[in-house]
N, C-alpha and C. Protein backbone atom coordinates (compact mmCIF):
# COMPACT_ATOMS: atom_id res chain seq x y z
N MET A 1 0.22 17.07 -12.12
CA MET A 1 1.47 17.20 -12.08
C MET A 1 1.99 16.39 -10.40
N HIS A 2 1.39 16.81 -9.32
CA HIS A 2 1.55 16.62 -7.96
C HIS A 2 1.29 15.24 -7.78
N ARG A 3 0.49 14.31 -8.15
CA ARG A 3 0.17 13.11 -8.20
C ARG A 3 1.50 12.28 -8.45
N PHE A 4 1.86 12.88 -10.11
CA PHE A 4 2.93 11.62 -10.49
C PHE A 4 4.34 11.78 -9.74
N LEU A 5 4.30 13.26 -8.95
CA LEU A 5 5.41 13.32 -8.06
C LEU A 5 5.22 12.35 -6.84
N GLN A 6 3.96 12.76 -6.09
CA GLN A 6 3.77 12.12 -4.97
C GLN A 6 4.13 10.42 -5.47
N ARG A 7 3.99 10.35 -6.31
CA ARG A 7 4.24 8.06 -6.89
C ARG A 7 5.17 8.31 -6.96
N LEU A 8 5.98 9.02 -8.03
CA LEU A 8 7.39 9.05 -8.08
C LEU A 8 8.31 8.93 -6.35
N THR A 9 7.68 9.66 -5.65
CA THR A 9 8.54 9.96 -4.69
C THR A 9 8.28 8.38 -3.64
N GLU A 10 7.33 8.27 -3.61
CA GLU A 10 6.83 6.70 -2.97
C GLU A 10 7.74 5.32 -4.12
N LEU A 11 7.85 5.50 -4.96
CA LEU A 11 8.95 4.57 -5.41
C LEU A 11 10.10 4.41 -5.49
N THR A 12 10.42 5.77 -5.55
CA THR A 12 11.95 6.32 -5.20
C THR A 12 12.43 5.74 -3.87
N THR A 13 11.42 5.61 -3.05
CA THR A 13 11.83 5.72 -1.59
C THR A 13 11.40 4.12 -1.32
N ALA A 14 10.70 3.32 -2.07
CA ALA A 14 10.66 1.82 -1.88
C ALA A 14 11.95 1.09 -2.37
N ALA A 15 12.34 1.52 -3.64
CA ALA A 15 13.54 1.35 -4.36
C ALA A 15 14.79 1.64 -3.61
N ALA A 16 14.58 2.85 -3.02
CA ALA A 16 15.75 2.59 -1.88
C ALA A 16 16.14 1.64 -0.96
N ARG A 17 15.04 1.20 -0.38
CA ARG A 17 14.71 0.10 0.76
C ARG A 17 15.33 -0.83 0.04
N ILE A 18 14.85 -1.34 -1.02
CA ILE A 18 14.88 -2.46 -1.70
C ILE A 18 16.77 -2.72 -1.78
N ALA A 19 17.23 -1.33 -2.32
CA ALA A 19 18.77 -1.38 -3.05
C ALA A 19 19.14 -1.52 -1.51
N ALA A 20 19.01 -0.88 -0.11
CA ALA A 20 19.98 -0.72 0.60
C ALA A 20 19.90 -2.46 1.23
N ARG A 21 18.42 -3.04 1.32
CA ARG A 21 18.61 -4.67 1.57
C ARG A 21 19.09 -5.61 1.14
N ASP A 22 19.00 -5.43 -0.37
CA ASP A 22 19.77 -6.09 -1.44
C ASP A 22 21.45 -6.15 -2.10
N GLY A 23 21.45 -5.02 -1.52
CA GLY A 23 22.71 -4.15 -2.17
C GLY A 23 22.91 -3.84 -3.68
N ALA A 24 21.64 -4.02 -4.15
CA ALA A 24 21.42 -3.71 -5.40
C ALA A 24 19.99 -3.37 -6.11
N LEU A 25 19.81 -2.62 -7.10
CA LEU A 25 18.21 -2.34 -6.98
C LEU A 25 18.20 -3.19 -9.00
N PRO A 26 17.25 -3.95 -8.68
CA PRO A 26 16.72 -5.00 -9.60
C PRO A 26 16.27 -4.43 -10.90
N LEU A 27 16.48 -4.87 -12.17
CA LEU A 27 16.54 -3.87 -13.76
C LEU A 27 15.48 -4.10 -13.35
N ALA A 28 14.31 -4.79 -12.89
CA ALA A 28 12.55 -4.58 -13.34
C ALA A 28 12.10 -3.48 -13.06
N ILE A 29 13.13 -3.07 -11.55
CA ILE A 29 12.84 -1.57 -11.01
C ILE A 29 13.59 -0.10 -11.56
N ALA A 30 14.53 -0.67 -11.72
CA ALA A 30 15.84 0.36 -12.34
C ALA A 30 15.16 1.40 -13.55
N ARG A 31 14.68 0.40 -14.36
CA ARG A 31 14.44 0.53 -15.99
C ARG A 31 13.40 1.54 -15.93
N PRO A 32 12.29 1.01 -15.66
CA PRO A 32 10.84 2.05 -15.48
C PRO A 32 11.10 3.33 -14.68
N LEU A 33 11.82 3.14 -13.52
CA LEU A 33 12.25 4.09 -12.54
C LEU A 33 12.90 5.54 -13.38
N ILE A 34 14.01 4.87 -14.12
CA ILE A 34 14.44 5.90 -15.23
C ILE A 34 13.54 6.96 -16.09
N LEU A 35 12.78 5.67 -16.63
CA LEU A 35 11.88 6.12 -17.80
C LEU A 35 11.06 7.41 -17.11
N MET A 36 10.71 6.95 -15.84
CA MET A 36 9.67 8.01 -15.35
C MET A 36 10.55 9.53 -14.72
N VAL A 37 12.12 9.17 -14.58
CA VAL A 37 12.38 10.65 -13.73
C VAL A 37 12.98 11.38 -15.27
N ALA A 38 12.87 10.43 -16.54
CA ALA A 38 13.56 10.98 -17.71
C ALA A 38 12.67 12.38 -18.39
N PRO A 39 11.64 13.08 -18.13
CA PRO A 39 10.74 14.15 -18.50
C PRO A 39 11.42 15.20 -17.13
N LEU A 40 11.87 14.69 -16.00
CA LEU A 40 12.22 15.61 -14.77
C LEU A 40 13.64 16.06 -15.03
N ALA A 41 14.01 15.22 -15.39
CA ALA A 41 15.95 15.33 -15.24
C ALA A 41 16.59 14.37 -17.06
N PRO A 42 16.21 14.95 -17.92
CA PRO A 42 16.84 13.99 -19.10
C PRO A 42 17.96 13.64 -19.06
N HIS A 43 18.72 14.66 -19.14
CA HIS A 43 20.00 14.07 -18.82
C HIS A 43 20.86 13.56 -18.19
N ILE A 44 20.72 13.46 -16.81
CA ILE A 44 20.88 12.13 -15.71
C ILE A 44 20.13 10.76 -16.03
N ALA A 45 19.09 10.89 -16.90
CA ALA A 45 17.77 9.86 -17.05
C ALA A 45 19.17 9.38 -18.54
N GLU A 46 19.25 10.22 -19.15
CA GLU A 46 20.05 9.60 -20.38
C GLU A 46 21.40 8.83 -20.13
N GLU A 47 22.02 9.46 -19.12
CA GLU A 47 23.32 8.94 -18.40
C GLU A 47 23.31 7.38 -18.00
N LEU A 48 21.89 7.57 -16.70
CA LEU A 48 21.62 6.40 -16.16
C LEU A 48 21.30 5.07 -17.12
N TRP A 49 20.49 5.76 -18.51
CA TRP A 49 19.95 4.67 -19.00
C TRP A 49 21.15 4.21 -20.12
N HIS A 50 22.28 4.81 -20.49
CA HIS A 50 23.36 4.02 -21.07
C HIS A 50 24.29 3.37 -20.12
N ARG A 51 24.22 3.86 -18.91
CA ARG A 51 25.18 3.25 -17.78
C ARG A 51 24.45 1.38 -17.93
N LEU A 52 22.98 1.51 -18.34
CA LEU A 52 22.63 0.30 -17.99
C LEU A 52 22.80 -0.69 -19.05
N GLY A 53 23.51 -0.10 -20.19
CA GLY A 53 23.93 -0.72 -21.10
C GLY A 53 23.15 -0.73 -22.85
N HIS A 54 21.87 0.36 -22.72
CA HIS A 54 21.34 0.64 -23.93
C HIS A 54 22.06 1.58 -25.18
N ALA A 55 21.91 1.29 -25.54
CA ALA A 55 22.76 1.88 -26.80
C ALA A 55 21.86 3.05 -27.43
N ALA A 56 20.64 2.35 -27.84
CA ALA A 56 19.70 3.55 -27.80
C ALA A 56 19.29 4.88 -26.71
N SER A 57 18.94 6.13 -27.24
CA SER A 57 18.29 6.80 -26.23
C SER A 57 17.21 6.59 -25.49
N LEU A 58 17.05 7.08 -24.37
CA LEU A 58 15.98 6.45 -23.79
C LEU A 58 14.49 7.43 -24.62
N ALA A 59 14.51 8.41 -25.29
CA ALA A 59 13.97 9.12 -25.76
C ALA A 59 12.79 8.15 -26.86
N TYR A 60 13.38 7.20 -27.02
CA TYR A 60 11.96 6.36 -28.02
C TYR A 60 11.47 5.30 -27.20
N GLU A 61 11.89 5.02 -26.05
CA GLU A 61 11.14 4.11 -25.20
C GLU A 61 9.56 4.61 -25.00
N PRO A 62 8.86 3.62 -24.99
CA PRO A 62 7.70 4.02 -24.44
C PRO A 62 7.37 4.61 -22.87
N PHE A 63 7.17 4.93 -22.33
CA PHE A 63 6.62 5.55 -20.87
C PHE A 63 6.31 4.34 -20.17
N PRO A 64 6.92 3.87 -19.02
CA PRO A 64 6.12 3.05 -18.46
C PRO A 64 4.16 3.22 -18.37
N GLN A 65 3.59 1.59 -18.41
CA GLN A 65 2.18 1.89 -18.16
C GLN A 65 1.97 1.18 -16.65
N ALA A 66 0.60 1.70 -16.33
CA ALA A 66 0.51 0.91 -14.50
C ALA A 66 0.06 -0.22 -15.17
N ASP A 67 0.20 -0.70 -14.02
CA ASP A 67 -0.44 -2.26 -14.19
C ASP A 67 -1.77 -2.35 -13.43
N PRO A 68 -3.22 -2.37 -14.00
CA PRO A 68 -4.37 -1.93 -13.68
C PRO A 68 -4.73 -3.26 -12.32
N ALA A 69 -3.89 -4.01 -12.30
CA ALA A 69 -4.55 -5.40 -11.34
C ALA A 69 -3.65 -4.59 -9.82
N LEU A 70 -2.47 -3.98 -10.05
CA LEU A 70 -1.71 -3.33 -8.98
C LEU A 70 -2.82 -2.09 -8.36
N ALA A 71 -3.59 -1.36 -8.94
CA ALA A 71 -4.50 -0.27 -8.81
C ALA A 71 -5.67 -0.38 -7.79
N GLU A 72 -5.65 -2.16 -8.04
CA GLU A 72 -7.22 -2.87 -7.27
C GLU A 72 -6.88 -2.01 -5.95
N GLU A 73 -8.24 -1.59 -5.24
CA GLU A 73 -8.07 -0.96 -3.66
C GLU A 73 -7.66 -2.59 -3.07
N ALA A 74 -6.60 -2.06 -2.48
CA ALA A 74 -6.20 -2.45 -1.04
C ALA A 74 -6.72 -2.81 0.07
N THR A 75 -6.46 -4.26 0.64
CA THR A 75 -7.30 -4.68 1.76
C THR A 75 -5.92 -4.20 3.28
N VAL A 76 -6.18 -3.95 4.42
CA VAL A 76 -5.48 -3.99 5.38
C VAL A 76 -5.86 -4.55 6.58
N PRO A 77 -4.90 -5.20 7.25
CA PRO A 77 -5.44 -5.81 8.58
C PRO A 77 -5.99 -5.18 9.43
N LEU A 78 -6.97 -5.28 10.31
CA LEU A 78 -7.34 -4.12 11.63
C LEU A 78 -7.86 -5.32 12.87
N PRO A 79 -6.87 -4.90 13.51
CA PRO A 79 -6.79 -6.06 14.57
C PRO A 79 -8.07 -5.56 15.53
N VAL A 80 -8.99 -6.29 16.32
CA VAL A 80 -9.89 -6.32 16.69
C VAL A 80 -9.78 -6.33 18.49
N GLN A 81 -9.64 -5.33 19.10
CA GLN A 81 -9.95 -5.51 21.02
C GLN A 81 -11.62 -6.19 21.52
N VAL A 82 -11.40 -6.86 22.07
CA VAL A 82 -12.68 -7.16 22.85
C VAL A 82 -12.16 -6.35 24.40
N ASN A 83 -12.90 -5.43 25.35
CA ASN A 83 -12.61 -5.13 26.21
C ASN A 83 -10.88 -5.13 26.55
N GLY A 84 -10.07 -4.50 25.62
CA GLY A 84 -8.61 -4.35 25.91
C GLY A 84 -7.58 -5.47 25.55
N LYS A 85 -8.57 -6.42 24.98
CA LYS A 85 -7.75 -7.44 24.82
C LYS A 85 -7.60 -7.62 23.11
N THR A 86 -6.41 -7.95 21.94
CA THR A 86 -6.57 -8.24 21.09
C THR A 86 -7.56 -9.67 20.85
N ARG A 87 -8.55 -10.10 20.07
CA ARG A 87 -9.21 -11.53 19.82
C ARG A 87 -8.91 -11.88 18.56
N LEU A 88 -9.21 -10.66 17.60
CA LEU A 88 -9.09 -11.47 16.21
C LEU A 88 -8.18 -10.15 15.18
N VAL A 89 -8.22 -10.30 14.16
CA VAL A 89 -7.57 -9.55 12.95
C VAL A 89 -8.72 -9.84 11.93
N VAL A 90 -9.29 -8.63 11.19
CA VAL A 90 -9.88 -8.80 10.24
C VAL A 90 -9.40 -8.30 9.16
N GLN A 91 -9.79 -8.40 7.83
CA GLN A 91 -9.32 -7.71 6.47
C GLN A 91 -10.12 -6.63 6.17
N VAL A 92 -9.77 -5.42 5.87
CA VAL A 92 -11.12 -4.35 5.56
C VAL A 92 -10.32 -3.69 4.41
N ARG A 93 -11.14 -3.20 3.32
CA ARG A 93 -10.58 -2.29 2.75
C ARG A 93 -10.06 -1.03 2.91
N ALA A 94 -8.56 -0.91 2.35
CA ALA A 94 -7.88 0.43 3.34
C ALA A 94 -8.95 1.73 3.09
N GLY A 95 -9.02 2.64 3.90
CA GLY A 95 -9.67 3.79 3.51
C GLY A 95 -11.25 3.33 4.25
N ALA A 96 -11.35 2.46 4.47
CA ALA A 96 -12.91 1.80 4.79
C ALA A 96 -13.13 2.69 6.65
N GLY A 97 -14.81 3.59 6.27
CA GLY A 97 -14.66 3.88 7.32
C GLY A 97 -15.32 3.46 8.36
N PRO A 98 -15.88 3.93 9.86
CA PRO A 98 -16.33 3.02 10.71
C PRO A 98 -17.97 2.35 10.12
N ASP A 99 -18.83 2.61 9.57
CA ASP A 99 -19.67 1.95 9.08
C ASP A 99 -18.95 1.02 8.42
N GLU A 100 -18.01 0.96 7.34
CA GLU A 100 -18.08 -0.23 6.18
C GLU A 100 -17.34 -1.21 7.81
N VAL A 101 -16.46 -0.70 8.56
CA VAL A 101 -15.87 -1.67 8.91
C VAL A 101 -16.70 -2.75 10.28
N ASP A 102 -17.80 -1.74 10.95
CA ASP A 102 -18.66 -2.11 11.44
C ASP A 102 -19.14 -3.63 11.00
N GLN A 103 -19.71 -3.35 9.65
CA GLN A 103 -20.30 -4.41 8.78
C GLN A 103 -19.32 -5.36 8.40
N ALA A 104 -18.09 -5.16 8.24
CA ALA A 104 -17.20 -6.25 8.16
C ALA A 104 -17.14 -7.27 9.47
N LEU A 105 -17.00 -6.44 10.25
CA LEU A 105 -17.32 -7.07 11.93
C LEU A 105 -18.58 -7.68 12.33
N ARG A 106 -19.78 -7.35 11.73
CA ARG A 106 -20.63 -8.12 11.72
C ARG A 106 -20.67 -9.28 11.05
N GLY A 107 -20.24 -9.66 9.68
CA GLY A 107 -20.15 -10.41 9.25
C GLY A 107 -18.94 -11.60 9.25
N GLU A 108 -18.35 -11.37 10.22
CA GLU A 108 -17.13 -12.24 10.31
C GLU A 108 -17.61 -13.59 11.78
N PRO A 109 -17.30 -14.72 11.05
CA PRO A 109 -18.17 -15.44 12.09
C PRO A 109 -17.37 -15.23 13.53
N GLU A 110 -16.19 -15.33 13.18
CA GLU A 110 -15.22 -15.70 14.75
C GLU A 110 -15.64 -14.33 15.76
N PHE A 111 -16.18 -13.11 15.30
CA PHE A 111 -16.08 -12.29 15.89
C PHE A 111 -17.74 -12.35 16.24
N GLU A 112 -18.84 -13.08 15.74
CA GLU A 112 -19.97 -13.17 16.04
C GLU A 112 -20.07 -14.47 17.12
N ARG A 113 -18.95 -15.32 17.18
CA ARG A 113 -18.62 -16.51 18.59
C ARG A 113 -18.28 -15.67 19.71
N LEU A 114 -17.72 -14.34 19.54
CA LEU A 114 -16.82 -13.78 20.44
C LEU A 114 -17.84 -13.09 21.17
N MET A 115 -18.74 -12.47 20.11
CA MET A 115 -20.09 -11.50 21.09
C MET A 115 -20.90 -12.66 21.25
N GLN A 116 -21.10 -13.58 21.52
CA GLN A 116 -22.43 -14.88 22.07
C GLN A 116 -22.58 -13.98 23.35
N GLY A 117 -23.66 -14.00 23.90
CA GLY A 117 -24.25 -13.79 25.53
C GLY A 117 -23.31 -12.05 25.66
N LEU A 118 -22.72 -11.52 24.77
CA LEU A 118 -22.42 -10.07 25.68
C LEU A 118 -23.04 -9.16 24.91
N VAL A 119 -23.29 -7.96 25.63
CA VAL A 119 -24.12 -6.78 24.99
C VAL A 119 -22.71 -5.70 24.19
N ILE A 120 -22.71 -5.43 23.32
CA ILE A 120 -21.78 -4.45 22.79
C ILE A 120 -22.69 -3.07 23.51
N GLU A 121 -21.40 -2.47 24.20
CA GLU A 121 -21.77 -1.19 24.71
C GLU A 121 -21.29 0.05 24.20
N ARG A 122 -19.97 0.01 23.20
CA ARG A 122 -19.56 1.15 22.41
C ARG A 122 -18.38 0.30 21.70
N MET A 123 -18.42 0.38 20.55
CA MET A 123 -17.56 0.31 19.49
C MET A 123 -16.57 1.34 18.99
N ILE A 124 -15.52 1.22 19.29
CA ILE A 124 -14.06 2.37 18.70
C ILE A 124 -13.63 1.95 17.40
N VAL A 125 -13.73 2.87 16.30
CA VAL A 125 -13.16 2.59 15.11
C VAL A 125 -12.18 3.79 14.94
N VAL A 126 -10.80 3.39 14.69
CA VAL A 126 -9.67 4.11 14.32
C VAL A 126 -9.25 3.86 13.05
N PRO A 127 -9.94 4.34 12.08
CA PRO A 127 -9.83 3.73 10.61
C PRO A 127 -8.34 3.58 10.12
N GLY A 128 -7.95 2.60 9.72
CA GLY A 128 -6.84 1.86 8.98
C GLY A 128 -5.78 1.30 10.33
N ARG A 129 -6.46 1.64 11.63
CA ARG A 129 -5.53 0.94 12.51
C ARG A 129 -6.11 0.02 13.83
N ILE A 130 -7.16 0.33 14.63
CA ILE A 130 -7.50 -0.72 15.38
C ILE A 130 -9.14 -0.34 15.91
N VAL A 131 -9.71 -1.48 15.95
CA VAL A 131 -11.28 -1.82 16.66
C VAL A 131 -10.92 -1.77 18.02
N ASN A 132 -11.68 -0.83 18.82
CA ASN A 132 -12.17 -1.44 20.10
C ASN A 132 -13.30 -1.80 20.36
N VAL A 133 -14.14 -2.82 21.12
CA VAL A 133 -15.32 -3.07 21.19
C VAL A 133 -15.46 -3.07 22.80
N LEU A 134 -16.64 -2.38 23.51
CA LEU A 134 -16.12 -2.60 24.98
C LEU A 134 -17.90 -3.15 25.06
N THR A 135 -17.68 -4.33 26.10
CA THR A 135 -18.88 -4.83 25.85
C THR A 135 -18.99 -5.25 27.63
N ARG A 136 -20.39 -5.37 28.14
CA ARG A 136 -20.72 -5.74 29.45
C ARG A 136 -21.46 -7.18 29.47
């Protein structure tokens, strides 16, 4: 239940941003959101469902199903600094640890080009944030 509430909170936060930006919430987001809120606040959800123009009760609607394509592991851009200057940005798996980031960097042709003739003294990886490579 905790995971469900956490995801519901994330969805409502994203929906609030979209509504603030566009002035309205698209029906493609509003309908599933109301259906997900229904077990927690059935009377409010029912009222919102009817205001969207549905004549039948939402109790007979199926619960929204997750899209497996959206559940795939996301990648994040990771800036790479060499001696304090950002030289490139690599895409790594979200949540990748230092070893995985190191492997991704060493497989990057641009990184290999940058490191030609340099010796890596230290590589500092802040997962999900930045990589700092110190050379001599």
